[in-house]
C-alpha atoms as a PDB file:
ATOM      1  CA  MET A   1     -10.252 -44.889 -27.467  1.00  0.00           C
ATOM      2  CA  SER A   2      -7.455 -46.544 -25.536  1.00  0.00           C
ATOM      3  CA  SER A   3      -4.295 -44.677 -24.730  1.00  0.00           C
ATOM      4  CA  LYS A   4      -0.970 -46.413 -25.164  1.00  0.00           C
ATOM      5  CA  PRO A   5       1.068 -47.076 -22.010  1.00  0.00           C
ATOM      6  CA  TRP A   6       4.211 -45.054 -21.324  1.00  0.00           C
ATOM      7  CA  TYR A   7       6.262 -48.111 -22.380  1.00  0.00           C
ATOM      8  CA  ARG A   8       4.617 -48.326 -25.822  1.00  0.00           C
ATOM      9  CA  GLU A   9       8.063 -48.538 -27.483  1.00  0.00           C
ATOM     10  CA  GLY A  10       8.912 -51.573 -25.347  1.00  0.00           C
ATOM     11  CA  LEU A  11      11.331 -52.165 -22.497  1.00  0.00           C
ATOM     12  CA  SER A  12      14.669 -53.943 -22.364  1.00  0.00           C
ATOM     13  CA  PHE A  13      15.402 -56.579 -19.780  1.00  0.00           C
ATOM     14  CA  SER A  14      17.754 -59.507 -19.394  1.00  0.00           C
ATOM     15  CA  CYS A  15      17.851 -61.428 -16.128  1.00  0.00           C
ATOM     16  CA  THR A  16      21.412 -61.530 -14.817  1.00  0.00           C
ATOM     17  CA  ARG A  17      20.446 -64.112 -12.150  1.00  0.00           C
ATOM     18  CA  CYS A  18      22.075 -61.811  -9.586  1.00  0.00           C
ATOM     19  CA  GLY A  19      19.402 -62.546  -6.990  1.00  0.00           C
ATOM     20  CA  ASP A  20      18.847 -58.918  -6.023  1.00  0.00           C
ATOM     21  CA  CYS A  21      15.083 -59.419  -6.437  1.00  0.00           C
ATOM     22  CA  CYS A  22      15.251 -62.493  -4.165  1.00  0.00           C
ATOM     23  CA  THR A  23      17.336 -61.121  -1.317  1.00  0.00           C
ATOM     24  CA  GLY A  24      17.709 -58.392   1.236  1.00  0.00           C
ATOM     25  CA  ALA A  25      14.197 -57.066   1.719  1.00  0.00           C
ATOM     26  CA  PRO A  26      11.241 -58.585   3.488  1.00  0.00           C
ATOM     27  CA  GLY A  27       8.121 -59.010   1.412  1.00  0.00           C
ATOM     28  CA  TYR A  28       5.791 -61.575  -0.022  1.00  0.00           C
ATOM     29  CA  VAL A  29       6.128 -64.178  -2.736  1.00  0.00           C
ATOM     30  CA  TRP A  30       2.502 -65.101  -3.259  1.00  0.00           C
ATOM     31  CA  VAL A  31       1.742 -68.656  -4.322  1.00  0.00           C
ATOM     32  CA  GLU A  32      -1.443 -70.190  -5.680  1.00  0.00           C
ATOM     33  CA  PRO A  33      -2.478 -73.824  -5.106  1.00  0.00           C
ATOM     34  CA  ALA A  34      -1.116 -75.024  -8.465  1.00  0.00           C
ATOM     35  CA  GLU A  35       2.224 -73.333  -7.740  1.00  0.00           C
ATOM     36  CA  ILE A  36       2.351 -74.925  -4.284  1.00  0.00           C
ATOM     37  CA  GLU A  37       1.762 -78.329  -5.882  1.00  0.00           C
ATOM     38  CA  ALA A  38       4.483 -77.734  -8.482  1.00  0.00           C
ATOM     39  CA  LEU A  39       6.983 -76.603  -5.853  1.00  0.00           C
ATOM     40  CA  ALA A  40       6.177 -79.564  -3.597  1.00  0.00           C
ATOM     41  CA  LYS A  41       6.563 -81.997  -6.509  1.00  0.00           C
ATOM     42  CA  HIS A  42       9.850 -80.353  -7.558  1.00  0.00           C
ATOM     43  CA  LEU A  43      11.189 -80.864  -4.030  1.00  0.00           C
ATOM     44  CA  GLY A  44       9.777 -84.381  -3.686  1.00  0.00           C
ATOM     45  CA  LEU A  45       7.469 -83.380  -0.837  1.00  0.00           C
ATOM     46  CA  SER A  46       3.782 -83.777  -0.170  1.00  0.00           C
ATOM     47  CA  VAL A  47       1.777 -80.574  -0.409  1.00  0.00           C
ATOM     48  CA  ASP A  48       1.173 -80.713   3.357  1.00  0.00           C
ATOM     49  CA  SER A  49       4.869 -81.172   4.147  1.00  0.00           C
ATOM     50  CA  PHE A  50       5.793 -78.377   1.763  1.00  0.00           C
ATOM     51  CA  GLY A  51       3.241 -76.074   3.367  1.00  0.00           C
ATOM     52  CA  GLU A  52       4.421 -76.786   6.899  1.00  0.00           C
ATOM     53  CA  ARG A  53       8.024 -76.148   5.944  1.00  0.00           C
ATOM     54  CA  TYR A  54       7.878 -73.303   3.414  1.00  0.00           C
ATOM     55  CA  LEU A  55       4.582 -71.376   3.609  1.00  0.00           C
ATOM     56  CA  ARG A  56       3.038 -68.725   5.797  1.00  0.00           C
ATOM     57  CA  LYS A  57      -0.590 -67.736   5.705  1.00  0.00           C
ATOM     58  CA  VAL A  58      -1.256 -64.032   5.240  1.00  0.00           C
ATOM     59  CA  GLY A  59      -4.957 -63.332   5.445  1.00  0.00           C
ATOM     60  CA  ARG A  60      -6.517 -65.729   2.952  1.00  0.00           C
ATOM     61  CA  ARG A  61      -3.379 -66.095   0.858  1.00  0.00           C
ATOM     62  CA  TYR A  62      -0.098 -67.974   1.124  1.00  0.00           C
ATOM     63  CA  SER A  63       3.419 -66.640   0.747  1.00  0.00           C
ATOM     64  CA  LEU A  64       6.788 -68.349   0.811  1.00  0.00           C
ATOM     65  CA  ILE A  65       8.645 -67.908   4.065  1.00  0.00           C
ATOM     66  CA  GLU A  66      11.875 -65.923   4.201  1.00  0.00           C
ATOM     67  CA  ARG A  67      15.192 -66.299   5.891  1.00  0.00           C
ATOM     68  CA  SER A  68      16.242 -63.672   8.403  1.00  0.00           C
ATOM     69  CA  GLY A  69      17.109 -60.504   6.531  1.00  0.00           C
ATOM     70  CA  GLY A  70      14.362 -61.062   3.983  1.00  0.00           C
ATOM     71  CA  ASP A  71      16.066 -63.505   1.593  1.00  0.00           C
ATOM     72  CA  CYS A  72      13.802 -65.971  -0.170  1.00  0.00           C
ATOM     73  CA  VAL A  73      13.951 -69.380   1.466  1.00  0.00           C
ATOM     74  CA  PHE A  74      14.847 -70.877  -1.926  1.00  0.00           C
ATOM     75  CA  PHE A  75      17.694 -68.526  -2.794  1.00  0.00           C
ATOM     76  CA  ASP A  76      21.162 -70.011  -2.335  1.00  0.00           C
ATOM     77  CA  LYS A  77      23.619 -68.511  -4.853  1.00  0.00           C
ATOM     78  CA  GLY A  78      20.705 -68.829  -7.247  1.00  0.00           C
ATOM     79  CA  CYS A  79      17.149 -70.093  -7.202  1.00  0.00           C
ATOM     80  CA  SER A  80      17.081 -73.673  -5.978  1.00  0.00           C
ATOM     81  CA  VAL A  81      13.542 -74.178  -7.375  1.00  0.00           C
ATOM     82  CA  TYR A  82      14.040 -72.279 -10.644  1.00  0.00           C
ATOM     83  CA  PRO A  83      12.077 -74.670 -12.921  1.00  0.00           C
ATOM     84  CA  ALA A  84       9.094 -74.545 -10.523  1.00  0.00           C
ATOM     85  CA  ARG A  85       9.359 -70.932  -9.371  1.00  0.00           C
ATOM     86  CA  PRO A  86       6.069 -69.060  -8.827  1.00  0.00           C
ATOM     87  CA  THR A  87       4.484 -66.752 -11.395  1.00  0.00           C
ATOM     88  CA  GLN A  88       5.503 -63.721  -9.362  1.00  0.00           C
ATOM     89  CA  CYS A  89       9.134 -64.707  -9.863  1.00  0.00           C
ATOM     90  CA  ARG A  90       8.647 -65.732 -13.501  1.00  0.00           C
ATOM     91  CA  THR A  91       7.233 -62.346 -14.489  1.00  0.00           C
ATOM     92  CA  PHE A  92       9.625 -59.985 -12.675  1.00  0.00           C
ATOM     93  CA  PRO A  93      10.178 -57.088 -13.403  1.00  0.00           C
ATOM     94  CA  PHE A  94       6.996 -56.773 -15.465  1.00  0.00           C
ATOM     95  CA  TRP A  95       4.687 -56.316 -12.479  1.00  0.00           C
ATOM     96  CA  ARG A  96       1.794 -53.847 -12.503  1.00  0.00           C
ATOM     97  CA  GLY A  97       3.399 -51.739  -9.781  1.00  0.00           C
ATOM     98  CA  ASN A  98       6.690 -51.502 -11.660  1.00  0.00           C
ATOM     99  CA  LEU A  99       4.866 -50.559 -14.870  1.00  0.00           C
ATOM    100  CA  LYS A 100       2.477 -47.970 -13.457  1.00  0.00           C
ATOM    101  CA  SER A 101       4.811 -45.131 -14.397  1.00  0.00           C
ATOM    102  CA  GLU A 102       8.210 -44.451 -15.869  1.00  0.00           C
ATOM    103  CA  ARG A 103       9.300 -43.267 -12.437  1.00  0.00           C
ATOM    104  CA  ALA A 104       8.293 -46.613 -10.853  1.00  0.00           C
ATOM    105  CA  TRP A 105      10.244 -48.454 -13.577  1.00  0.00           C
ATOM    106  CA  ASP A 106      13.295 -46.245 -13.016  1.00  0.00           C
ATOM    107  CA  GLU A 107      13.141 -46.915  -9.277  1.00  0.00           C
ATOM    108  CA  ILE A 108      13.156 -50.688  -9.748  1.00  0.00           C
ATOM    109  CA  ALA A 109      15.892 -50.306 -12.380  1.00  0.00           C
ATOM    110  CA  ASP A 110      18.097 -48.805  -9.660  1.00  0.00           C
ATOM    111  CA  GLU A 111      17.843 -52.170  -7.869  1.00  0.00           C
ATOM    112  CA  CYS A 112      17.973 -54.522 -10.873  1.00  0.00           C
ATOM    113  CA  PRO A 113      21.029 -54.592 -13.150  1.00  0.00           C
ATOM    114  CA  GLY A 114      19.106 -56.441 -15.874  1.00  0.00           C
ATOM    115  CA  ILE A 115      16.634 -53.625 -16.528  1.00  0.00           C
ATOM    116  CA  GLY A 116      17.631 -51.643 -19.592  1.00  0.00           C
ATOM    117  CA  GLN A 117      19.805 -54.525 -20.845  1.00  0.00           C
ATOM    118  CA  GLY A 118      19.316 -57.301 -23.380  1.00  0.00           C
ATOM    119  CA  LYS A 119      16.061 -58.233 -25.063  1.00  0.00           C
ATOM    120  CA  LEU A 120      13.611 -55.521 -26.040  1.00  0.00           C
ATOM    121  CA  PHE A 121      10.165 -56.684 -24.942  1.00  0.00           C
ATOM    122  CA  PRO A 122       7.420 -55.211 -27.143  1.00  0.00           C
ATOM    123  CA  VAL A 123       4.386 -53.700 -25.437  1.00  0.00           C
ATOM    124  CA  GLU A 124       2.210 -56.689 -26.391  1.00  0.00           C
ATOM    125  CA  GLU A 125       4.546 -59.121 -24.641  1.00  0.00           C
ATOM    126  CA  ILE A 126       4.810 -56.841 -21.604  1.00  0.00           C
ATOM    127  CA  GLU A 127       1.020 -56.844 -21.300  1.00  0.00           C
ATOM    128  CA  VAL A 128       0.981 -60.666 -21.314  1.00  0.00           C
ATOM    129  CA  LEU A 129       3.730 -60.770 -18.674  1.00  0.00           C
ATOM    130  CA  LYS A 130       1.921 -58.181 -16.574  1.00  0.00           C
ATOM    131  CA  ARG A 131      -1.116 -60.481 -16.454  1.00  0.00           C
ATOM    132  CA  GLY A 132       1.107 -63.392 -15.352  1.00  0.00           C
ATOM    133  CA  ASN A 133       0.551 -65.408 -18.520  1.00  0.00           C
ATOM    134  CA  ALA A 134       4.177 -65.800 -19.595  1.00  0.00           C
ATOM    135  CA  GLU A 135       7.643 -65.656 -18.124  1.00  0.00           C
ATOM    136  CA  THR A 136      10.775 -63.618 -18.601  1.00  0.00           C
ATOM    137  CA  PRO A 137      13.627 -65.696 -19.992  1.00  0.00           C
ATOM    138  CA  ALA A 138      16.710 -66.238 -17.876  1.00  0.00           C
ATOM    139  CA  GLY A 139      19.880 -64.519 -18.944  1.00  0.00           C
ATOM    140  CA  GLU A 140      22.825 -66.473 -20.182  1.00  0.00           C
END
């Protein structure tokens, strides 16, 4: 018997492209090899050149570097690599940590003006997003 998640009625979200999730706080934007290749191609760089310029190694993984203050290196009044952005960016705010409880969702909603607005995502779609197998659409 599986219990339904707290968000079984769905959750509303519409990306406002405000950049609040891309700026102001240090953290990690994890990238996998295929994402690194896509970003390098989007920027017209070799994978090695891209890595030297935009990646940092953290343990066995890679993360995008940040500007001072914690802003994403690719944020400049919007995402400069939007078509090639990593899965982590494509699936925000439907991350496991944000979905673990209603309280966690409410906390991220305090930081993101798009949460509670726009499209109602059904639980089935949220589960796909949570696994990183889809992307949230950009707002208008």
